[in-house]
């Protein structure tokens, strides 16, 4: 009863095996992302923030000279460092997921190019 446009059983089995391998590798990747420390900094490196590969904030470092600045300058420096760390963390996660899936587009929420 072939000819209905369905893949043969061997192709289907192979697809399931590949999906299972991707799932196992995804779990391993999640663990790796969790322990990564990705640094972001403002433009003069006086504010630094580290995030995990899963965008979990880990720590912050403020240069002593920044603390003598005006409040708005300090806030902007911290925000810029946070944006930098988040962008680097998100890019790292996206690249690692693309490596994992061999470029296969999963279209996961929060992983697209839209802002």
PDB file of N, CA and C in Angstrom:
ATOM      1  N   UNK A   1       0.829  -1.196   0.000  1.00  0.00           N
ATOM      2  CA  UNK A   1       0.000   0.000   0.000  1.00  0.00           C
ATOM      3  C   UNK A   1       0.869   1.255   0.000  1.00  0.00           C
ATOM      4  N   UNK A   2       1.957   1.220  -0.718  1.00  0.00           N
ATOM      5  CA  UNK A   2       2.823   2.397  -0.806  1.00  0.00           C
ATOM      6  C   UNK A   2       2.216   3.404  -1.765  1.00  0.00           C
ATOM      7  N   UNK A   3       2.764   4.613  -1.758  1.00  0.00           N
ATOM      8  CA  UNK A   3       2.315   5.609  -2.711  1.00  0.00           C
ATOM      9  C   UNK A   3       1.397   6.655  -2.119  1.00  0.00           C
ATOM     10  N   UNK A   4       1.252   6.710  -0.814  1.00  0.00           N
ATOM     11  CA  UNK A   4       0.390   7.715  -0.205  1.00  0.00           C
ATOM     12  C   UNK A   4       1.167   8.951   0.240  1.00  0.00           C
ATOM     13  N   UNK A   5       2.421   9.076  -0.178  1.00  0.00           N
ATOM     14  CA  UNK A   5       3.222  10.232   0.179  1.00  0.00           C
ATOM     15  C   UNK A   5       3.821  10.136   1.574  1.00  0.00           C
ATOM     16  N   UNK A   6       3.761   8.993   2.204  1.00  0.00           N
ATOM     17  CA  UNK A   6       4.330   8.819   3.534  1.00  0.00           C
ATOM     18  C   UNK A   6       5.752   8.289   3.416  1.00  0.00           C
ATOM     19  N   UNK A   7       6.638   8.716   4.330  1.00  0.00           N
ATOM     20  CA  UNK A   7       7.999   8.183   4.280  1.00  0.00           C
ATOM     21  C   UNK A   7       7.994   6.714   4.666  1.00  0.00           C
ATOM     22  N   UNK A   8       8.997   5.997   4.201  1.00  0.00           N
ATOM     23  CA  UNK A   8       9.051   4.589   4.582  1.00  0.00           C
ATOM     24  C   UNK A   8       9.416   4.469   6.058  1.00  0.00           C
ATOM     25  N   UNK A   9       9.216   3.299   6.607  1.00  0.00           N
ATOM     26  CA  UNK A   9       9.417   3.078   8.041  1.00  0.00           C
ATOM     27  C   UNK A   9      10.849   3.379   8.471  1.00  0.00           C
ATOM     28  N   UNK A  10      11.817   3.052   7.640  1.00  0.00           N
ATOM     29  CA  UNK A  10      13.223   3.322   7.955  1.00  0.00           C
ATOM     30  C   UNK A  10      13.494   4.809   8.101  1.00  0.00           C
ATOM     31  N   UNK A  11      12.918   5.621   7.212  1.00  0.00           N
ATOM     32  CA  UNK A  11      13.091   7.072   7.298  1.00  0.00           C
ATOM     33  C   UNK A  11      12.438   7.624   8.563  1.00  0.00           C
ATOM     34  N   UNK A  12      11.277   7.101   8.888  1.00  0.00           N
ATOM     35  CA  UNK A  12      10.562   7.543  10.076  1.00  0.00           C
ATOM     36  C   UNK A  12      11.340   7.182  11.340  1.00  0.00           C
ATOM     37  N   UNK A  13      11.877   5.979  11.382  1.00  0.00           N
ATOM     38  CA  UNK A  13      12.674   5.538  12.524  1.00  0.00           C
ATOM     39  C   UNK A  13      13.912   6.416  12.676  1.00  0.00           C
ATOM     40  N   UNK A  14      14.548   6.709  11.570  1.00  0.00           N
ATOM     41  CA  UNK A  14      15.749   7.558  11.597  1.00  0.00           C
ATOM     42  C   UNK A  14      15.409   8.965  12.092  1.00  0.00           C
ATOM     43  N   UNK A  15      14.271   9.490  11.673  1.00  0.00           N
ATOM     44  CA  UNK A  15      13.845  10.820  12.122  1.00  0.00           C
ATOM     45  C   UNK A  15      13.599  10.827  13.625  1.00  0.00           C
ATOM     46  N   UNK A  16      12.978   9.787  14.157  1.00  0.00           N
ATOM     47  CA  UNK A  16      12.746   9.691  15.600  1.00  0.00           C
ATOM     48  C   UNK A  16      14.062   9.584  16.363  1.00  0.00           C
ATOM     49  N   UNK A  17      15.010   8.835  15.813  1.00  0.00           N
ATOM     50  CA  UNK A  17      16.316   8.710  16.465  1.00  0.00           C
ATOM     51  C   UNK A  17      17.012  10.067  16.521  1.00  0.00           C
ATOM     52  N   UNK A  18      16.946  10.808  15.418  1.00  0.00           N
ATOM     53  CA  UNK A  18      17.568  12.125  15.369  1.00  0.00           C
ATOM     54  C   UNK A  18      16.896  13.067  16.362  1.00  0.00           C
ATOM     55  N   UNK A  19      15.575  13.021  16.438  1.00  0.00           N
ATOM     56  CA  UNK A  19      14.845  13.868  17.389  1.00  0.00           C
ATOM     57  C   UNK A  19      15.230  13.520  18.826  1.00  0.00           C
ATOM     58  N   UNK A  20      15.376  12.239  19.113  1.00  0.00           N
ATOM     59  CA  UNK A  20      15.765  11.808  20.451  1.00  0.00           C
ATOM     60  C   UNK A  20      17.182  12.285  20.778  1.00  0.00           C
ATOM     61  N   UNK A  21      18.081  12.209  19.808  1.00  0.00           N
ATOM     62  CA  UNK A  21      19.453  12.673  20.012  1.00  0.00           C
ATOM     63  C   UNK A  21      19.472  14.179  20.269  1.00  0.00           C
ATOM     64  N   UNK A  22      18.682  14.934  19.513  1.00  0.00           N
ATOM     65  CA  UNK A  22      18.600  16.383  19.716  1.00  0.00           C
ATOM     66  C   UNK A  22      18.076  16.682  21.120  1.00  0.00           C
ATOM     67  N   UNK A  23      17.087  15.935  21.564  1.00  0.00           N
ATOM     68  CA  UNK A  23      16.524  16.133  22.902  1.00  0.00           C
ATOM     69  C   UNK A  23      17.590  15.877  23.975  1.00  0.00           C
ATOM     70  N   UNK A  24      18.355  14.813  23.825  1.00  0.00           N
ATOM     71  CA  UNK A  24      19.411  14.511  24.792  1.00  0.00           C
ATOM     72  C   UNK A  24      20.488  15.600  24.780  1.00  0.00           C
ATOM     73  N   UNK A  25      20.864  16.026  23.595  1.00  0.00           N
ATOM     74  CA  UNK A  25      21.869  17.075  23.484  1.00  0.00           C
ATOM     75  C   UNK A  25      21.349  18.409  24.021  1.00  0.00           C
ATOM     76  N   UNK A  26      20.055  18.668  23.866  1.00  0.00           N
ATOM     77  CA  UNK A  26      19.458  19.900  24.378  1.00  0.00           C
ATOM     78  C   UNK A  26      19.535  19.936  25.902  1.00  0.00           C
ATOM     79  N   UNK A  27      19.307  18.812  26.548  1.00  0.00           N
ATOM     80  CA  UNK A  27      19.417  18.746  28.001  1.00  0.00           C
ATOM     81  C   UNK A  27      20.843  19.052  28.441  1.00  0.00           C
ATOM     82  N   UNK A  28      21.803  18.475  27.732  1.00  0.00           N
ATOM     83  CA  UNK A  28      23.220  18.715  28.034  1.00  0.00           C
ATOM     84  C   UNK A  28      23.561  20.187  27.809  1.00  0.00           C
ATOM     85  N   UNK A  29      23.037  20.762  26.727  1.00  0.00           N
ATOM     86  CA  UNK A  29      23.283  22.162  26.428  1.00  0.00           C
ATOM     87  C   UNK A  29      22.700  23.061  27.516  1.00  0.00           C
ATOM     88  N   UNK A  30      21.507  22.747  28.004  1.00  0.00           N
ATOM     89  CA  UNK A  30      20.895  23.535  29.083  1.00  0.00           C
ATOM     90  C   UNK A  30      21.809  23.563  30.299  1.00  0.00           C
ATOM     91  N   UNK A  31      22.384  22.424  30.627  1.00  0.00           N
ATOM     92  CA  UNK A  31      23.292  22.350  31.765  1.00  0.00           C
ATOM     93  C   UNK A  31      24.548  23.192  31.511  1.00  0.00           C
ATOM     94  N   UNK A  32      25.066  23.152  30.293  1.00  0.00           N
ATOM     95  CA  UNK A  32      26.243  23.947  29.946  1.00  0.00           C
ATOM     96  C   UNK A  32      25.931  25.444  30.011  1.00  0.00           C
ATOM     97  N   UNK A  33      24.786  25.839  29.474  1.00  0.00           N
ATOM     98  CA  UNK A  33      24.402  27.247  29.481  1.00  0.00           C
ATOM     99  C   UNK A  33      24.240  27.765  30.909  1.00  0.00           C
ATOM    100  N   UNK A  34      23.738  26.908  31.778  1.00  0.00           N
ATOM    101  CA  UNK A  34      23.493  27.303  33.163  1.00  0.00           C
ATOM    102  C   UNK A  34      24.793  27.676  33.881  1.00  0.00           C
ATOM    103  N   UNK A  35      25.903  27.022  33.553  1.00  0.00           N
ATOM    104  CA  UNK A  35      27.154  27.296  34.267  1.00  0.00           C
ATOM    105  C   UNK A  35      28.066  28.291  33.536  1.00  0.00           C
ATOM    106  N   UNK A  36      27.685  28.703  32.343  1.00  0.00           N
ATOM    107  CA  UNK A  36      28.471  29.708  31.624  1.00  0.00           C
ATOM    108  C   UNK A  36      28.407  31.044  32.345  1.00  0.00           C
ATOM    109  N   UNK A  37      29.476  31.807  32.234  1.00  0.00           N
ATOM    110  CA  UNK A  37      29.500  33.175  32.729  1.00  0.00           C
ATOM    111  C   UNK A  37      29.878  34.078  31.568  1.00  0.00           C
ATOM    112  N   UNK A  38      28.910  34.868  31.108  1.00  0.00           N
ATOM    113  CA  UNK A  38      29.094  35.722  29.943  1.00  0.00           C
ATOM    114  C   UNK A  38      29.094  37.175  30.415  1.00  0.00           C
ATOM    115  N   UNK A  39      30.141  37.882  30.064  1.00  0.00           N
ATOM    116  CA  UNK A  39      30.335  39.253  30.548  1.00  0.00           C
ATOM    117  C   UNK A  39      29.798  40.278  29.573  1.00  0.00           C
ATOM    118  N   UNK A  40      29.198  41.310  30.130  1.00  0.00           N
ATOM    119  CA  UNK A  40      28.792  42.481  29.369  1.00  0.00           C
ATOM    120  C   UNK A  40      29.307  43.703  30.098  1.00  0.00           C
ATOM    121  N   UNK A  41      29.620  44.755  29.359  1.00  0.00           N
ATOM    122  CA  UNK A  41      30.156  45.963  29.983  1.00  0.00           C
ATOM    123  C   UNK A  41      29.631  47.190  29.255  1.00  0.00           C
ATOM    124  N   UNK A  42      29.656  48.326  29.972  1.00  0.00           N
ATOM    125  CA  UNK A  42      29.306  49.566  29.301  1.00  0.00           C
ATOM    126  C   UNK A  42      30.504  49.996  28.453  1.00  0.00           C
ATOM    127  N   UNK A  43      30.374  51.112  27.751  1.00  0.00           N
ATOM    128  CA  UNK A  43      31.392  51.493  26.759  1.00  0.00           C
ATOM    129  C   UNK A  43      32.764  51.789  27.361  1.00  0.00           C
ATOM    130  N   UNK A  44      32.853  52.207  28.622  1.00  0.00           N
ATOM    131  CA  UNK A  44      34.173  52.476  29.203  1.00  0.00           C
ATOM    132  C   UNK A  44      34.601  51.411  30.225  1.00  0.00           C
ATOM    133  N   UNK A  45      33.869  50.321  30.263  1.00  0.00           N
ATOM    134  CA  UNK A  45      34.181  49.167  31.122  1.00  0.00           C
ATOM    135  C   UNK A  45      34.160  49.472  32.618  1.00  0.00           C
ATOM    136  N   UNK A  46      33.460  50.523  33.021  1.00  0.00           N
ATOM    137  CA  UNK A  46      33.395  50.808  34.448  1.00  0.00           C
ATOM    138  C   UNK A  46      32.211  50.100  35.115  1.00  0.00           C
ATOM    139  N   UNK A  47      31.304  49.583  34.315  1.00  0.00           N
ATOM    140  CA  UNK A  47      30.196  48.768  34.832  1.00  0.00           C
ATOM    141  C   UNK A  47      30.219  47.455  34.062  1.00  0.00           C
ATOM    142  N   UNK A  48      30.238  46.352  34.797  1.00  0.00           N
ATOM    143  CA  UNK A  48      30.259  45.031  34.176  1.00  0.00           C
ATOM    144  C   UNK A  48      29.205  44.156  34.832  1.00  0.00           C
ATOM    145  N   UNK A  49      28.575  43.346  34.014  1.00  0.00           N
ATOM    146  CA  UNK A  49      27.564  42.408  34.496  1.00  0.00           C
ATOM    147  C   UNK A  49      27.832  41.063  33.851  1.00  0.00           C
ATOM    148  N   UNK A  50      27.709  40.009  34.639  1.00  0.00           N
ATOM    149  CA  UNK A  50      27.850  38.649  34.143  1.00  0.00           C
ATOM    150  C   UNK A  50      26.498  37.951  34.221  1.00  0.00           C
ATOM    151  N   UNK A  51      26.169  37.229  33.149  1.00  0.00           N
ATOM    152  CA  UNK A  51      24.953  36.427  33.084  1.00  0.00           C
ATOM    153  C   UNK A  51      25.320  35.015  32.675  1.00  0.00           C
ATOM    154  N   UNK A  52      24.462  34.086  33.026  1.00  0.00           N
ATOM    155  CA  UNK A  52      24.644  32.717  32.536  1.00  0.00           C
ATOM    156  C   UNK A  52      24.217  32.673  31.078  1.00  0.00           C
ATOM    157  N   UNK A  53      24.445  31.554  30.431  1.00  0.00           N
ATOM    158  CA  UNK A  53      23.987  31.367  29.063  1.00  0.00           C
ATOM    159  C   UNK A  53      22.473  31.311  28.960  1.00  0.00           C
ATOM    160  N   UNK A  54      21.813  31.195  30.108  1.00  0.00           N
ATOM    161  CA  UNK A  54      20.342  31.199  30.166  1.00  0.00           C
ATOM    162  C   UNK A  54      19.800  32.552  30.612  1.00  0.00           C
ATOM    163  N   UNK A  55      20.604  33.583  30.516  1.00  0.00           N
ATOM    164  CA  UNK A  55      20.261  34.958  30.870  1.00  0.00           C
ATOM    165  C   UNK A  55      19.954  35.161  32.359  1.00  0.00           C
ATOM    166  N   UNK A  56      20.503  34.326  33.203  1.00  0.00           N
ATOM    167  CA  UNK A  56      20.354  34.494  34.647  1.00  0.00           C
ATOM    168  C   UNK A  56      21.453  35.447  35.129  1.00  0.00           C
ATOM    169  N   UNK A  57      21.083  36.586  35.759  1.00  0.00           N
ATOM    170  CA  UNK A  57      22.103  37.491  36.278  1.00  0.00           C
ATOM    171  C   UNK A  57      22.944  36.796  37.348  1.00  0.00           C
ATOM    172  N   UNK A  58      24.266  36.927  37.264  1.00  0.00           N
ATOM    173  CA  UNK A  58      25.158  36.255  38.197  1.00  0.00           C
ATOM    174  C   UNK A  58      25.861  37.225  39.145  1.00  0.00           C
ATOM    175  N   UNK A  59      26.443  38.292  38.578  1.00  0.00           N
ATOM    176  CA  UNK A  59      27.119  39.256  39.440  1.00  0.00           C
ATOM    177  C   UNK A  59      27.332  40.557  38.674  1.00  0.00           C
ATOM    178  N   UNK A  60      27.709  41.559  39.439  1.00  0.00           N
ATOM    179  CA  UNK A  60      27.937  42.894  38.880  1.00  0.00           C
ATOM    180  C   UNK A  60      29.207  43.456  39.489  1.00  0.00           C
ATOM    181  N   UNK A  61      29.916  44.260  38.704  1.00  0.00           N
ATOM    182  CA  UNK A  61      31.132  44.929  39.184  1.00  0.00           C
ATOM    183  C   UNK A  61      31.070  46.383  38.745  1.00  0.00           C
ATOM    184  N   UNK A  62      31.224  47.278  39.706  1.00  0.00           N
ATOM    185  CA  UNK A  62      31.213  48.710  39.426  1.00  0.00           C
ATOM    186  C   UNK A  62      32.586  49.276  39.810  1.00  0.00           C
ATOM    187  N   UNK A  63      33.226  49.945  38.868  1.00  0.00           N
ATOM    188  CA  UNK A  63      34.506  50.592  39.141  1.00  0.00           C
ATOM    189  C   UNK A  63      34.282  51.733  40.135  1.00  0.00           C
ATOM    190  N   UNK A  64      35.210  51.890  41.043  1.00  0.00           N
ATOM    191  CA  UNK A  64      35.094  52.912  42.096  1.00  0.00           C
ATOM    192  C   UNK A  64      34.913  54.307  41.496  1.00  0.00           C
ATOM    193  N   UNK A  65      35.572  54.583  40.376  1.00  0.00           N
ATOM    194  CA  UNK A  65      35.462  55.919  39.763  1.00  0.00           C
ATOM    195  C   UNK A  65      34.060  56.210  39.261  1.00  0.00           C
ATOM    196  N   UNK A  66      33.326  55.189  38.899  1.00  0.00           N
ATOM    197  CA  UNK A  66      31.951  55.389  38.428  1.00  0.00           C
ATOM    198  C   UNK A  66      31.043  55.847  39.570  1.00  0.00           C
ATOM    199  N   UNK A  67      31.324  55.398  40.773  1.00  0.00           N
ATOM    200  CA  UNK A  67      30.474  55.720  41.920  1.00  0.00           C
ATOM    201  C   UNK A  67      30.498  57.202  42.286  1.00  0.00           C
ATOM    202  N   UNK A  68      31.503  57.925  41.824  1.00  0.00           N
ATOM    203  CA  UNK A  68      31.559  59.362  42.104  1.00  0.00           C
ATOM    204  C   UNK A  68      30.832  60.192  41.041  1.00  0.00           C
ATOM    205  N   UNK A  69      30.321  59.519  40.027  1.00  0.00           N
ATOM    206  CA  UNK A  69      29.595  60.195  38.944  1.00  0.00           C
ATOM    207  C   UNK A  69      28.174  60.532  39.373  1.00  0.00           C
ATOM    208  N   UNK A  70      27.509  61.307  38.556  1.00  0.00           N
ATOM    209  CA  UNK A  70      26.104  61.646  38.759  1.00  0.00           C
ATOM    210  C   UNK A  70      25.246  60.379  38.678  1.00  0.00           C
ATOM    211  N   UNK A  71      24.156  60.364  39.408  1.00  0.00           N
ATOM    212  CA  UNK A  71      23.251  59.203  39.474  1.00  0.00           C
ATOM    213  C   UNK A  71      22.822  58.733  38.082  1.00  0.00           C
ATOM    214  N   UNK A  72      22.485  59.646  37.190  1.00  0.00           N
ATOM    215  CA  UNK A  72      22.021  59.248  35.855  1.00  0.00           C
ATOM    216  C   UNK A  72      23.128  58.581  35.043  1.00  0.00           C
ATOM    217  N   UNK A  73      24.361  59.002  35.242  1.00  0.00           N
ATOM    218  CA  UNK A  73      25.495  58.378  34.542  1.00  0.00           C
ATOM    219  C   UNK A  73      25.700  56.957  35.054  1.00  0.00           C
ATOM    220  N   UNK A  74      25.599  56.782  36.369  1.00  0.00           N
ATOM    221  CA  UNK A  74      25.731  55.450  36.961  1.00  0.00           C
ATOM    222  C   UNK A  74      24.628  54.528  36.451  1.00  0.00           C
ATOM    223  N   UNK A  75      23.408  55.020  36.450  1.00  0.00           N
ATOM    224  CA  UNK A  75      22.274  54.203  35.983  1.00  0.00           C
ATOM    225  C   UNK A  75      22.437  53.823  34.521  1.00  0.00           C
ATOM    226  N   UNK A  76      22.867  54.765  33.685  1.00  0.00           N
ATOM    227  CA  UNK A  76      23.061  54.463  32.263  1.00  0.00           C
ATOM    228  C   UNK A  76      24.172  53.435  32.074  1.00  0.00           C
ATOM    229  N   UNK A  77      25.258  53.568  32.839  1.00  0.00           N
ATOM    230  CA  UNK A  77      26.368  52.621  32.730  1.00  0.00           C
ATOM    231  C   UNK A  77      25.908  51.214  33.095  1.00  0.00           C
ATOM    232  N   UNK A  78      25.144  51.093  34.160  1.00  0.00           N
ATOM    233  CA  UNK A  78      24.645  49.780  34.580  1.00  0.00           C
ATOM    234  C   UNK A  78      23.684  49.212  33.543  1.00  0.00           C
ATOM    235  N   UNK A  79      22.793  50.046  33.033  1.00  0.00           N
ATOM    236  CA  UNK A  79      21.846  49.590  32.010  1.00  0.00           C
ATOM    237  C   UNK A  79      22.578  49.153  30.739  1.00  0.00           C
ATOM    238  N   UNK A  80      23.572  49.922  30.327  1.00  0.00           N
ATOM    239  CA  UNK A  80      24.346  49.554  29.133  1.00  0.00           C
ATOM    240  C   UNK A  80      25.069  48.219  29.332  1.00  0.00           C
ATOM    241  N   UNK A  81      25.634  48.024  30.524  1.00  0.00           N
ATOM    242  CA  UNK A  81      26.314  46.756  30.826  1.00  0.00           C
ATOM    243  C   UNK A  81      25.318  45.604  30.816  1.00  0.00           C
ATOM    244  N   UNK A  82      24.126  45.848  31.347  1.00  0.00           N
ATOM    245  CA  UNK A  82      23.099  44.806  31.373  1.00  0.00           C
ATOM    246  C   UNK A  82      22.659  44.445  29.951  1.00  0.00           C
ATOM    247  N   UNK A  83      22.469  45.438  29.125  1.00  0.00           N
ATOM    248  CA  UNK A  83      22.090  45.182  27.728  1.00  0.00           C
ATOM    249  C   UNK A  83      23.180  44.393  27.007  1.00  0.00           C
ATOM    250  N   UNK A  84      24.425  44.774  27.248  1.00  0.00           N
ATOM    251  CA  UNK A  84      25.553  44.091  26.622  1.00  0.00           C
ATOM    252  C   UNK A  84      25.613  42.620  27.045  1.00  0.00           C
ATOM    253  N   UNK A  85      25.470  42.370  28.336  1.00  0.00           N
ATOM    254  CA  UNK A  85      25.509  40.989  28.842  1.00  0.00           C
ATOM    255  C   UNK A  85      24.331  40.182  28.302  1.00  0.00           C
ATOM    256  N   UNK A  86      23.157  40.784  28.264  1.00  0.00           N
ATOM    257  CA  UNK A  86      21.977  40.076  27.765  1.00  0.00           C
ATOM    258  C   UNK A  86      22.134  39.734  26.290  1.00  0.00           C
ATOM    259  N   UNK A  87      22.626  40.691  25.509  1.00  0.00           N
ATOM    260  CA  UNK A  87      22.828  40.447  24.069  1.00  0.00           C
ATOM    261  C   UNK A  87      23.839  39.326  23.838  1.00  0.00           C
ATOM    262  N   UNK A  88      24.941  39.350  24.577  1.00  0.00           N
ATOM    263  CA  UNK A  88      25.968  38.315  24.424  1.00  0.00           C
ATOM    264  C   UNK A  88      25.432  36.955  24.856  1.00  0.00           C
ATOM    265  N   UNK A  89      24.683  36.929  25.944  1.00  0.00           N
ATOM    266  CA  UNK A  89      24.118  35.675  26.440  1.00  0.00           C
ATOM    267  C   UNK A  89      23.100  35.101  25.456  1.00  0.00           C
ATOM    268  N   UNK A  90      22.235  35.958  24.949  1.00  0.00           N
ATOM    269  CA  UNK A  90      21.221  35.517  23.988  1.00  0.00           C
ATOM    270  C   UNK A  90      21.864  35.014  22.700  1.00  0.00           C
ATOM    271  N   UNK A  91      22.883  35.732  22.218  1.00  0.00           N
ATOM    272  CA  UNK A  91      23.583  35.307  21.006  1.00  0.00           C
ATOM    273  C   UNK A  91      24.260  33.962  21.207  1.00  0.00           C
ATOM    274  N   UNK A  92      24.873  33.793  22.367  1.00  0.00           N
ATOM    275  CA  UNK A  92      25.541  32.522  22.674  1.00  0.00           C
ATOM    276  C   UNK A  92      24.533  31.385  22.684  1.00  0.00           C
ATOM    277  N   UNK A  93      23.397  31.599  23.336  1.00  0.00           N
ATOM    278  CA  UNK A  93      22.365  30.561  23.396  1.00  0.00           C
ATOM    279  C   UNK A  93      21.873  30.223  21.988  1.00  0.00           C
ATOM    280  N   UNK A  94      21.616  31.232  21.196  1.00  0.00           N
ATOM    281  CA  UNK A  94      21.108  31.013  19.840  1.00  0.00           C
ATOM    282  C   UNK A  94      22.117  30.233  18.989  1.00  0.00           C
ATOM    283  N   UNK A  95      23.395  30.637  19.061  1.00  0.00           N
ATOM    284  CA  UNK A  95      24.433  29.943  18.294  1.00  0.00           C
ATOM    285  C   UNK A  95      24.556  28.485  18.721  1.00  0.00           C
ATOM    286  N   UNK A  96      24.538  28.247  20.018  1.00  0.00           N
ATOM    287  CA  UNK A  96      24.674  26.881  20.522  1.00  0.00           C
ATOM    288  C   UNK A  96      23.466  26.034  20.122  1.00  0.00           C
ATOM    289  N   UNK A  97      22.271  26.618  20.119  1.00  0.00           N
ATOM    290  CA  UNK A  97      21.071  25.878  19.700  1.00  0.00           C
ATOM    291  C   UNK A  97      21.141  25.557  18.204  1.00  0.00           C
ATOM    292  N   UNK A  98      21.632  26.505  17.408  1.00  0.00           N
ATOM    293  CA  UNK A  98      21.769  26.253  15.969  1.00  0.00           C
ATOM    294  C   UNK A  98      22.794  25.157  15.714  1.00  0.00           C
ATOM    295  N   UNK A  99      23.875  25.151  16.495  1.00  0.00           N
ATOM    296  CA  UNK A  99      24.870  24.085  16.381  1.00  0.00           C
ATOM    297  C   UNK A  99      24.236  22.738  16.723  1.00  0.00           C
ATOM    298  N   UNK A 100      23.440  22.732  17.764  1.00  0.00           N
ATOM    299  CA  UNK A 100      22.796  21.510  18.242  1.00  0.00           C
ATOM    300  C   UNK A 100      21.848  20.920  17.199  1.00  0.00           C
ATOM    301  N   UNK A 101      21.085  21.791  16.554  1.00  0.00           N
ATOM    302  CA  UNK A 101      20.072  21.318  15.612  1.00  0.00           C
ATOM    303  C   UNK A 101      20.582  21.268  14.178  1.00  0.00           C
ATOM    304  N   UNK A 102      21.847  21.594  13.981  1.00  0.00           N
ATOM    305  CA  UNK A 102      22.405  21.578  12.633  1.00  0.00           C
ATOM    306  C   UNK A 102      21.798  22.639  11.741  1.00  0.00           C
ATOM    307  N   UNK A 103      21.376  23.762  12.338  1.00  0.00           N
ATOM    308  CA  UNK A 103      20.799  24.843  11.562  1.00  0.00           C
ATOM    309  C   UNK A 103      19.307  24.701  11.332  1.00  0.00           C
ATOM    310  N   UNK A 104      18.722  23.601  11.791  1.00  0.00           N
ATOM    311  CA  UNK A 104      17.288  23.390  11.641  1.00  0.00           C
ATOM    312  C   UNK A 104      16.558  24.433  12.462  1.00  0.00           C
ATOM    313  N   UNK A 105      15.663  25.194  11.842  1.00  0.00           N
ATOM    314  CA  UNK A 105      14.964  26.279  12.521  1.00  0.00           C
ATOM    315  C   UNK A 105      13.837  25.722  13.380  1.00  0.00           C
ATOM    316  N   UNK A 106      13.969  25.924  14.710  1.00  0.00           N
ATOM    317  CA  UNK A 106      12.944  25.446  15.629  1.00  0.00           C
ATOM    318  C   UNK A 106      11.873  26.493  15.897  1.00  0.00           C
ATOM    319  N   UNK A 107      12.164  27.773  15.595  1.00  0.00           N
ATOM    320  CA  UNK A 107      11.216  28.856  15.808  1.00  0.00           C
ATOM    321  C   UNK A 107      10.722  28.896  17.246  1.00  0.00           C
ATOM    322  N   UNK A 108      11.675  28.903  18.188  1.00  0.00           N
ATOM    323  CA  UNK A 108      11.337  28.922  19.598  1.00  0.00           C
ATOM    324  C   UNK A 108      11.028  30.338  20.060  1.00  0.00           C
ATOM    325  N   UNK A 109      10.060  30.517  20.952  1.00  0.00           N
ATOM    326  CA  UNK A 109       9.750  31.845  21.464  1.00  0.00           C
ATOM    327  C   UNK A 109      10.985  32.472  22.113  1.00  0.00           C
ATOM    328  N   UNK A 110      11.217  33.745  21.814  1.00  0.00           N
ATOM    329  CA  UNK A 110      12.347  34.450  22.387  1.00  0.00           C
ATOM    330  C   UNK A 110      13.654  34.211  21.661  1.00  0.00           C
ATOM    331  N   UNK A 111      13.665  33.353  20.654  1.00  0.00           N
ATOM    332  CA  UNK A 111      14.892  33.026  19.946  1.00  0.00           C
ATOM    333  C   UNK A 111      14.923  33.638  18.551  1.00  0.00           C
ATOM    334  N   UNK A 112      13.871  34.357  18.174  1.00  0.00           N
ATOM    335  CA  UNK A 112      13.816  34.924  16.829  1.00  0.00           C
ATOM    336  C   UNK A 112      14.633  36.187  16.714  1.00  0.00           C
ATOM    337  N   UNK A 113      14.712  36.725  15.523  1.00  0.00           N
ATOM    338  CA  UNK A 113      15.474  37.935  15.277  1.00  0.00           C
ATOM    339  C   UNK A 113      14.664  39.195  15.569  1.00  0.00           C
ATOM    340  N   UNK A 114      13.369  39.033  15.762  1.00  0.00           N
ATOM    341  CA  UNK A 114      12.546  40.196  16.035  1.00  0.00           C
ATOM    342  C   UNK A 114      12.799  40.703  17.452  1.00  0.00           C
ATOM    343  N   UNK A 115      12.576  41.989  17.671  1.00  0.00           N
ATOM    344  CA  UNK A 115      12.807  42.589  19.000  1.00  0.00           C
ATOM    345  C   UNK A 115      11.515  42.852  19.706  1.00  0.00           C
TER     346      UNK A 115
END
